[in-house]
Amino acid sequence: MQQVDASGTTINVLISQNSKMSRYELGTPTQVSIINPTTIQPSGVKVDSAEDIDSIDLVNIPNNKSFSTFAKIMNL
C-alpha cells in the first residue's frame, strides 16, 4: 500500500514500520503512528482535525522532517 485516504472519517489507520507510504490522509484520528517510513514527506501527510489525537509517534522521518510532519498533522 502506498496511499491512504481516510479523510472525512474517525478511523485510525496505522501504517507499518518501514512502509513505502507516500500519501497519508486522515480525518479525525485519535492516534497517529509513522515509524521509520522510507518515502513519506510532510507534504504527503494531512489530518482534517487534530482535536481528538491522544498520541503521536513520529520516528525517523526521512531528511529530518519530523517537526514539519508534526506541524502538518497538527495543522500548525
PDB file of N, CA and C in Angstrom:
ATOM      1  N   MET A   1       0.849  -1.173   0.000  1.00  0.00           N
ATOM      2  CA  MET A   1       0.000   0.000   0.000  1.00  0.00           C
ATOM      3  C   MET A   1       0.897   1.238   0.000  1.00  0.00           C
ATOM      4  N   GLN A   2       0.566   2.197  -0.863  1.00  0.00           N
ATOM      5  CA  GLN A   2       1.364   3.410  -0.944  1.00  0.00           C
ATOM      6  C   GLN A   2       0.593   4.656  -0.570  1.00  0.00           C
ATOM      7  N   GLN A   3      -0.748   4.580  -0.579  1.00  0.00           N
ATOM      8  CA  GLN A   3      -1.555   5.753  -0.252  1.00  0.00           C
ATOM      9  C   GLN A   3      -2.742   5.357   0.616  1.00  0.00           C
ATOM     10  N   VAL A   4      -3.063   6.223   1.572  1.00  0.00           N
ATOM     11  CA  VAL A   4      -4.245   6.051   2.412  1.00  0.00           C
ATOM     12  C   VAL A   4      -5.023   7.347   2.367  1.00  0.00           C
ATOM     13  N   ASP A   5      -6.315   7.247   2.078  1.00  0.00           N
ATOM     14  CA  ASP A   5      -7.182   8.423   2.149  1.00  0.00           C
ATOM     15  C   ASP A   5      -8.370   8.064   3.029  1.00  0.00           C
ATOM     16  N   ALA A   6      -8.250   8.382   4.307  1.00  0.00           N
ATOM     17  CA  ALA A   6      -9.323   8.145   5.263  1.00  0.00           C
ATOM     18  C   ALA A   6      -9.884   9.477   5.733  1.00  0.00           C
ATOM     19  N   SER A   7      -9.729  10.516   4.901  1.00  0.00           N
ATOM     20  CA  SER A   7     -10.260  11.827   5.271  1.00  0.00           C
ATOM     21  C   SER A   7     -11.775  11.742   5.386  1.00  0.00           C
ATOM     22  N   GLY A   8     -12.317  12.553   6.260  1.00  0.00           N
ATOM     23  CA  GLY A   8     -13.753  12.540   6.484  1.00  0.00           C
ATOM     24  C   GLY A   8     -14.231  11.412   7.386  1.00  0.00           C
ATOM     25  N   THR A   9     -13.292  10.656   7.981  1.00  0.00           N
ATOM     26  CA  THR A   9     -13.668   9.550   8.862  1.00  0.00           C
ATOM     27  C   THR A   9     -13.068   9.770  10.252  1.00  0.00           C
ATOM     28  N   THR A  10     -13.420   8.897  11.176  1.00  0.00           N
ATOM     29  CA  THR A  10     -12.832   8.947  12.518  1.00  0.00           C
ATOM     30  C   THR A  10     -11.961   7.726  12.773  1.00  0.00           C
ATOM     31  N   ILE A  11     -11.668   6.940  11.734  1.00  0.00           N
ATOM     32  CA  ILE A  11     -10.873   5.724  11.953  1.00  0.00           C
ATOM     33  C   ILE A  11      -9.389   6.047  12.049  1.00  0.00           C
ATOM     34  N   ASN A  12      -8.664   5.181  12.742  1.00  0.00           N
ATOM     35  CA  ASN A  12      -7.204   5.257  12.811  1.00  0.00           C
ATOM     36  C   ASN A  12      -6.647   4.284  11.785  1.00  0.00           C
ATOM     37  N   VAL A  13      -5.705   4.734  10.991  1.00  0.00           N
ATOM     38  CA  VAL A  13      -5.021   3.872  10.040  1.00  0.00           C
ATOM     39  C   VAL A  13      -3.549   3.913  10.397  1.00  0.00           C
ATOM     40  N   LEU A  14      -3.049   2.837  10.994  1.00  0.00           N
ATOM     41  CA  LEU A  14      -1.658   2.780  11.403  1.00  0.00           C
ATOM     42  C   LEU A  14      -0.856   2.099  10.306  1.00  0.00           C
ATOM     43  N   ILE A  15       0.174   2.768   9.834  1.00  0.00           N
ATOM     44  CA  ILE A  15       0.990   2.185   8.778  1.00  0.00           C
ATOM     45  C   ILE A  15       2.131   1.399   9.401  1.00  0.00           C
ATOM     46  N   SER A  16       2.564   0.371   8.713  1.00  0.00           N
ATOM     47  CA  SER A  16       3.615  -0.489   9.263  1.00  0.00           C
ATOM     48  C   SER A  16       4.973   0.211   9.214  1.00  0.00           C
ATOM     49  N   GLN A  17       5.872  -0.243  10.057  1.00  0.00           N
ATOM     50  CA  GLN A  17       7.229   0.305  10.063  1.00  0.00           C
ATOM     51  C   GLN A  17       7.893   0.038   8.720  1.00  0.00           C
ATOM     52  N   ASN A  18       8.748   0.958   8.312  1.00  0.00           N
ATOM     53  CA  ASN A  18       9.492   0.856   7.051  1.00  0.00           C
ATOM     54  C   ASN A  18       8.574   0.824   5.829  1.00  0.00           C
ATOM     55  N   SER A  19       7.409   1.439   5.941  1.00  0.00           N
ATOM     56  CA  SER A  19       6.469   1.434   4.826  1.00  0.00           C
ATOM     57  C   SER A  19       6.950   2.339   3.696  1.00  0.00           C
ATOM     58  N   LYS A  20       6.406   2.104   2.526  1.00  0.00           N
ATOM     59  CA  LYS A  20       6.699   2.933   1.363  1.00  0.00           C
ATOM     60  C   LYS A  20       5.535   3.880   1.092  1.00  0.00           C
ATOM     61  N   MET A  21       4.814   4.246   2.156  1.00  0.00           N
ATOM     62  CA  MET A  21       3.674   5.146   2.057  1.00  0.00           C
ATOM     63  C   MET A  21       4.128   6.503   1.540  1.00  0.00           C
ATOM     64  N   SER A  22       3.399   7.040   0.555  1.00  0.00           N
ATOM     65  CA  SER A  22       3.738   8.362   0.037  1.00  0.00           C
ATOM     66  C   SER A  22       2.646   9.392   0.321  1.00  0.00           C
ATOM     67  N   ARG A  23       1.429   8.931   0.602  1.00  0.00           N
ATOM     68  CA  ARG A  23       0.321   9.844   0.916  1.00  0.00           C
ATOM     69  C   ARG A  23      -0.477   9.248   2.067  1.00  0.00           C
ATOM     70  N   TYR A  24      -0.698  10.046   3.110  1.00  0.00           N
ATOM     71  CA  TYR A  24      -1.337   9.559   4.337  1.00  0.00           C
ATOM     72  C   TYR A  24      -2.311  10.629   4.797  1.00  0.00           C
ATOM     73  N   GLU A  25      -3.591  10.463   4.484  1.00  0.00           N
ATOM     74  CA  GLU A  25      -4.615  11.441   4.826  1.00  0.00           C
ATOM     75  C   GLU A  25      -5.607  10.817   5.798  1.00  0.00           C
ATOM     76  N   LEU A  26      -5.829  11.502   6.917  1.00  0.00           N
ATOM     77  CA  LEU A  26      -6.736  11.017   7.943  1.00  0.00           C
ATOM     78  C   LEU A  26      -7.776  12.077   8.245  1.00  0.00           C
ATOM     79  N   GLY A  27      -8.911  11.655   8.751  1.00  0.00           N
ATOM     80  CA  GLY A  27      -9.975  12.579   9.113  1.00  0.00           C
ATOM     81  C   GLY A  27      -9.764  13.150  10.500  1.00  0.00           C
ATOM     82  N   THR A  28     -10.336  12.487  11.504  1.00  0.00           N
ATOM     83  CA  THR A  28     -10.212  12.920  12.895  1.00  0.00           C
ATOM     84  C   THR A  28      -9.705  11.731  13.710  1.00  0.00           C
ATOM     85  N   PRO A  29      -8.422  11.412  13.598  1.00  0.00           N
ATOM     86  CA  PRO A  29      -7.890  10.241  14.297  1.00  0.00           C
ATOM     87  C   PRO A  29      -7.676  10.505  15.780  1.00  0.00           C
ATOM     88  N   THR A  30      -7.507   9.418  16.546  1.00  0.00           N
ATOM     89  CA  THR A  30      -7.119   9.534  17.945  1.00  0.00           C
ATOM     90  C   THR A  30      -5.658   9.137  18.124  1.00  0.00           C
ATOM     91  N   GLN A  31      -5.088   8.498  17.111  1.00  0.00           N
ATOM     92  CA  GLN A  31      -3.703   8.048  17.181  1.00  0.00           C
ATOM     93  C   GLN A  31      -3.066   8.171  15.799  1.00  0.00           C
ATOM     94  N   VAL A  32      -1.830   8.656  15.767  1.00  0.00           N
ATOM     95  CA  VAL A  32      -1.065   8.724  14.526  1.00  0.00           C
ATOM     96  C   VAL A  32       0.293   8.080  14.799  1.00  0.00           C
ATOM     97  N   SER A  33       0.680   7.151  13.947  1.00  0.00           N
ATOM     98  CA  SER A  33       1.949   6.455  14.131  1.00  0.00           C
ATOM     99  C   SER A  33       2.648   6.331  12.785  1.00  0.00           C
ATOM    100  N   ILE A  34       3.792   6.997  12.667  1.00  0.00           N
ATOM    101  CA  ILE A  34       4.617   6.906  11.463  1.00  0.00           C
ATOM    102  C   ILE A  34       6.027   6.591  11.947  1.00  0.00           C
ATOM    103  N   ILE A  35       6.447   5.342  11.758  1.00  0.00           N
ATOM    104  CA  ILE A  35       7.725   4.887  12.296  1.00  0.00           C
ATOM    105  C   ILE A  35       8.602   4.344  11.171  1.00  0.00           C
ATOM    106  N   ASN A  36       9.757   4.950  11.020  1.00  0.00           N
ATOM    107  CA  ASN A  36      10.742   4.537  10.013  1.00  0.00           C
ATOM    108  C   ASN A  36      10.162   4.427   8.605  1.00  0.00           C
ATOM    109  N   PRO A  37       9.418   5.424   8.143  1.00  0.00           N
ATOM    110  CA  PRO A  37       8.922   5.333   6.768  1.00  0.00           C
ATOM    111  C   PRO A  37      10.096   5.535   5.805  1.00  0.00           C
ATOM    112  N   THR A  38       9.977   4.992   4.612  1.00  0.00           N
ATOM    113  CA  THR A  38      11.088   5.127   3.671  1.00  0.00           C
ATOM    114  C   THR A  38      10.851   6.231   2.648  1.00  0.00           C
ATOM    115  N   THR A  39       9.599   6.628   2.404  1.00  0.00           N
ATOM    116  CA  THR A  39       9.363   7.600   1.338  1.00  0.00           C
ATOM    117  C   THR A  39       8.489   8.789   1.712  1.00  0.00           C
ATOM    118  N   ILE A  40       7.736   8.737   2.781  1.00  0.00           N
ATOM    119  CA  ILE A  40       6.768   9.809   3.054  1.00  0.00           C
ATOM    120  C   ILE A  40       7.468  11.130   3.378  1.00  0.00           C
ATOM    121  N   GLN A  41       6.888  12.206   2.897  1.00  0.00           N
ATOM    122  CA  GLN A  41       7.352  13.558   3.151  1.00  0.00           C
ATOM    123  C   GLN A  41       6.216  14.319   3.843  1.00  0.00           C
ATOM    124  N   PRO A  42       6.517  15.419   4.535  1.00  0.00           N
ATOM    125  CA  PRO A  42       5.451  16.180   5.203  1.00  0.00           C
ATOM    126  C   PRO A  42       4.320  16.589   4.260  1.00  0.00           C
ATOM    127  N   SER A  43       4.634  16.875   3.018  1.00  0.00           N
ATOM    128  CA  SER A  43       3.598  17.273   2.059  1.00  0.00           C
ATOM    129  C   SER A  43       2.604  16.143   1.767  1.00  0.00           C
ATOM    130  N   GLY A  44       2.961  14.907   2.071  1.00  0.00           N
ATOM    131  CA  GLY A  44       2.080  13.769   1.838  1.00  0.00           C
ATOM    132  C   GLY A  44       1.214  13.415   3.025  1.00  0.00           C
ATOM    133  N   VAL A  45       1.299  14.205   4.110  1.00  0.00           N
ATOM    134  CA  VAL A  45       0.546  13.922   5.333  1.00  0.00           C
ATOM    135  C   VAL A  45      -0.506  14.999   5.537  1.00  0.00           C
ATOM    136  N   LYS A  46      -1.743  14.572   5.821  1.00  0.00           N
ATOM    137  CA  LYS A  46      -2.818  15.539   6.066  1.00  0.00           C
ATOM    138  C   LYS A  46      -3.785  14.953   7.086  1.00  0.00           C
ATOM    139  N   VAL A  47      -4.177  15.767   8.055  1.00  0.00           N
ATOM    140  CA  VAL A  47      -5.178  15.383   9.042  1.00  0.00           C
ATOM    141  C   VAL A  47      -6.244  16.471   9.036  1.00  0.00           C
ATOM    142  N   ASP A  48      -7.504  16.073   8.846  1.00  0.00           N
ATOM    143  CA  ASP A  48      -8.591  17.059   8.810  1.00  0.00           C
ATOM    144  C   ASP A  48      -8.709  17.810  10.129  1.00  0.00           C
ATOM    145  N   SER A  49      -8.654  17.063  11.247  1.00  0.00           N
ATOM    146  CA  SER A  49      -8.769  17.686  12.570  1.00  0.00           C
ATOM    147  C   SER A  49      -7.898  16.927  13.561  1.00  0.00           C
ATOM    148  N   ALA A  50      -7.078  17.674  14.303  1.00  0.00           N
ATOM    149  CA  ALA A  50      -6.183  17.066  15.284  1.00  0.00           C
ATOM    150  C   ALA A  50      -6.749  17.124  16.699  1.00  0.00           C
ATOM    151  N   GLU A  51      -7.976  17.603  16.860  1.00  0.00           N
ATOM    152  CA  GLU A  51      -8.509  17.842  18.206  1.00  0.00           C
ATOM    153  C   GLU A  51      -8.710  16.585  19.040  1.00  0.00           C
ATOM    154  N   ASP A  52      -8.857  15.411  18.426  1.00  0.00           N
ATOM    155  CA  ASP A  52      -9.075  14.182  19.188  1.00  0.00           C
ATOM    156  C   ASP A  52      -7.828  13.307  19.316  1.00  0.00           C
ATOM    157  N   ILE A  53      -6.687  13.775  18.836  1.00  0.00           N
ATOM    158  CA  ILE A  53      -5.469  12.964  18.882  1.00  0.00           C
ATOM    159  C   ILE A  53      -4.975  12.819  20.325  1.00  0.00           C
ATOM    160  N   ASP A  54      -4.822  11.561  20.746  1.00  0.00           N
ATOM    161  CA  ASP A  54      -4.295  11.239  22.076  1.00  0.00           C
ATOM    162  C   ASP A  54      -2.802  10.935  22.033  1.00  0.00           C
ATOM    163  N   SER A  55      -2.329  10.382  20.904  1.00  0.00           N
ATOM    164  CA  SER A  55      -0.908  10.047  20.814  1.00  0.00           C
ATOM    165  C   SER A  55      -0.404  10.187  19.384  1.00  0.00           C
ATOM    166  N   ILE A  56       0.854  10.619  19.298  1.00  0.00           N
ATOM    167  CA  ILE A  56       1.536  10.750  18.010  1.00  0.00           C
ATOM    168  C   ILE A  56       2.914  10.125  18.155  1.00  0.00           C
ATOM    169  N   ASP A  57       3.228   9.187  17.270  1.00  0.00           N
ATOM    170  CA  ASP A  57       4.563   8.599  17.212  1.00  0.00           C
ATOM    171  C   ASP A  57       5.146   8.924  15.843  1.00  0.00           C
ATOM    172  N   LEU A  58       6.164   9.760  15.813  1.00  0.00           N
ATOM    173  CA  LEU A  58       6.880  10.095  14.584  1.00  0.00           C
ATOM    174  C   LEU A  58       8.338   9.729  14.803  1.00  0.00           C
ATOM    175  N   VAL A  59       8.801   8.716  14.107  1.00  0.00           N
ATOM    176  CA  VAL A  59      10.155   8.228  14.330  1.00  0.00           C
ATOM    177  C   VAL A  59      10.896   8.132  13.003  1.00  0.00           C
ATOM    178  N   ASN A  60      12.042   8.793  12.947  1.00  0.00           N
ATOM    179  CA  ASN A  60      12.956   8.659  11.819  1.00  0.00           C
ATOM    180  C   ASN A  60      12.314   9.026  10.478  1.00  0.00           C
ATOM    181  N   ILE A  61      11.651  10.177  10.431  1.00  0.00           N
ATOM    182  CA  ILE A  61      11.092  10.661   9.173  1.00  0.00           C
ATOM    183  C   ILE A  61      12.267  11.054   8.270  1.00  0.00           C
ATOM    184  N   PRO A  62      12.239  10.691   6.970  1.00  0.00           N
ATOM    185  CA  PRO A  62      13.371  10.978   6.082  1.00  0.00           C
ATOM    186  C   PRO A  62      13.738  12.462   6.044  1.00  0.00           C
ATOM    187  N   ASN A  63      15.023  12.707   5.859  1.00  0.00           N
ATOM    188  CA  ASN A  63      15.567  14.063   5.695  1.00  0.00           C
ATOM    189  C   ASN A  63      15.279  14.968   6.883  1.00  0.00           C
ATOM    190  N   ASN A  64      15.192  14.394   8.081  1.00  0.00           N
ATOM    191  CA  ASN A  64      14.989  15.174   9.298  1.00  0.00           C
ATOM    192  C   ASN A  64      13.744  16.047   9.225  1.00  0.00           C
ATOM    193  N   LYS A  65      12.638  15.485   8.731  1.00  0.00           N
ATOM    194  CA  LYS A  65      11.394  16.228   8.548  1.00  0.00           C
ATOM    195  C   LYS A  65      10.344  15.904   9.612  1.00  0.00           C
ATOM    196  N   SER A  66      10.761  15.403  10.761  1.00  0.00           N
ATOM    197  CA  SER A  66       9.803  15.032  11.804  1.00  0.00           C
ATOM    198  C   SER A  66       8.985  16.218  12.300  1.00  0.00           C
ATOM    199  N   PHE A  67       9.624  17.373  12.536  1.00  0.00           N
ATOM    200  CA  PHE A  67       8.866  18.526  13.025  1.00  0.00           C
ATOM    201  C   PHE A  67       7.901  19.035  11.958  1.00  0.00           C
ATOM    202  N   SER A  68       8.331  19.075  10.711  1.00  0.00           N
ATOM    203  CA  SER A  68       7.437  19.508   9.628  1.00  0.00           C
ATOM    204  C   SER A  68       6.235  18.576   9.517  1.00  0.00           C
ATOM    205  N   THR A  69       6.468  17.278   9.691  1.00  0.00           N
ATOM    206  CA  THR A  69       5.377  16.303   9.649  1.00  0.00           C
ATOM    207  C   THR A  69       4.426  16.535  10.827  1.00  0.00           C
ATOM    208  N   PHE A  70       4.994  16.758  12.021  1.00  0.00           N
ATOM    209  CA  PHE A  70       4.176  17.058  13.198  1.00  0.00           C
ATOM    210  C   PHE A  70       3.316  18.302  12.958  1.00  0.00           C
ATOM    211  N   ALA A  71       3.903  19.352  12.394  1.00  0.00           N
ATOM    212  CA  ALA A  71       3.175  20.590  12.113  1.00  0.00           C
ATOM    213  C   ALA A  71       2.034  20.346  11.133  1.00  0.00           C
ATOM    214  N   LYS A  72       2.245  19.492  10.123  1.00  0.00           N
ATOM    215  CA  LYS A  72       1.176  19.175   9.168  1.00  0.00           C
ATOM    216  C   LYS A  72       0.034  18.424   9.863  1.00  0.00           C
ATOM    217  N   ILE A  73       0.394  17.478  10.723  1.00  0.00           N
ATOM    218  CA  ILE A  73      -0.627  16.706  11.443  1.00  0.00           C
ATOM    219  C   ILE A  73      -1.461  17.607  12.347  1.00  0.00           C
ATOM    220  N   MET A  74      -0.793  18.508  13.038  1.00  0.00           N
ATOM    221  CA  MET A  74      -1.479  19.384  13.984  1.00  0.00           C
ATOM    222  C   MET A  74      -2.073  20.632  13.328  1.00  0.00           C
ATOM    223  N   ASN A  75      -1.945  20.736  12.008  1.00  0.00           N
ATOM    224  CA  ASN A  75      -2.485  21.881  11.252  1.00  0.00           C
ATOM    225  C   ASN A  75      -1.945  23.208  11.781  1.00  0.00           C
ATOM    226  N   LEU A  76      -0.633  23.259  12.030  1.00  0.00           N
ATOM    227  CA  LEU A  76       0.003  24.479  12.538  1.00  0.00           C
ATOM    228  C   LEU A  76       0.407  25.384  11.396  1.00  0.00           C
TER     229      LEU A  76
END
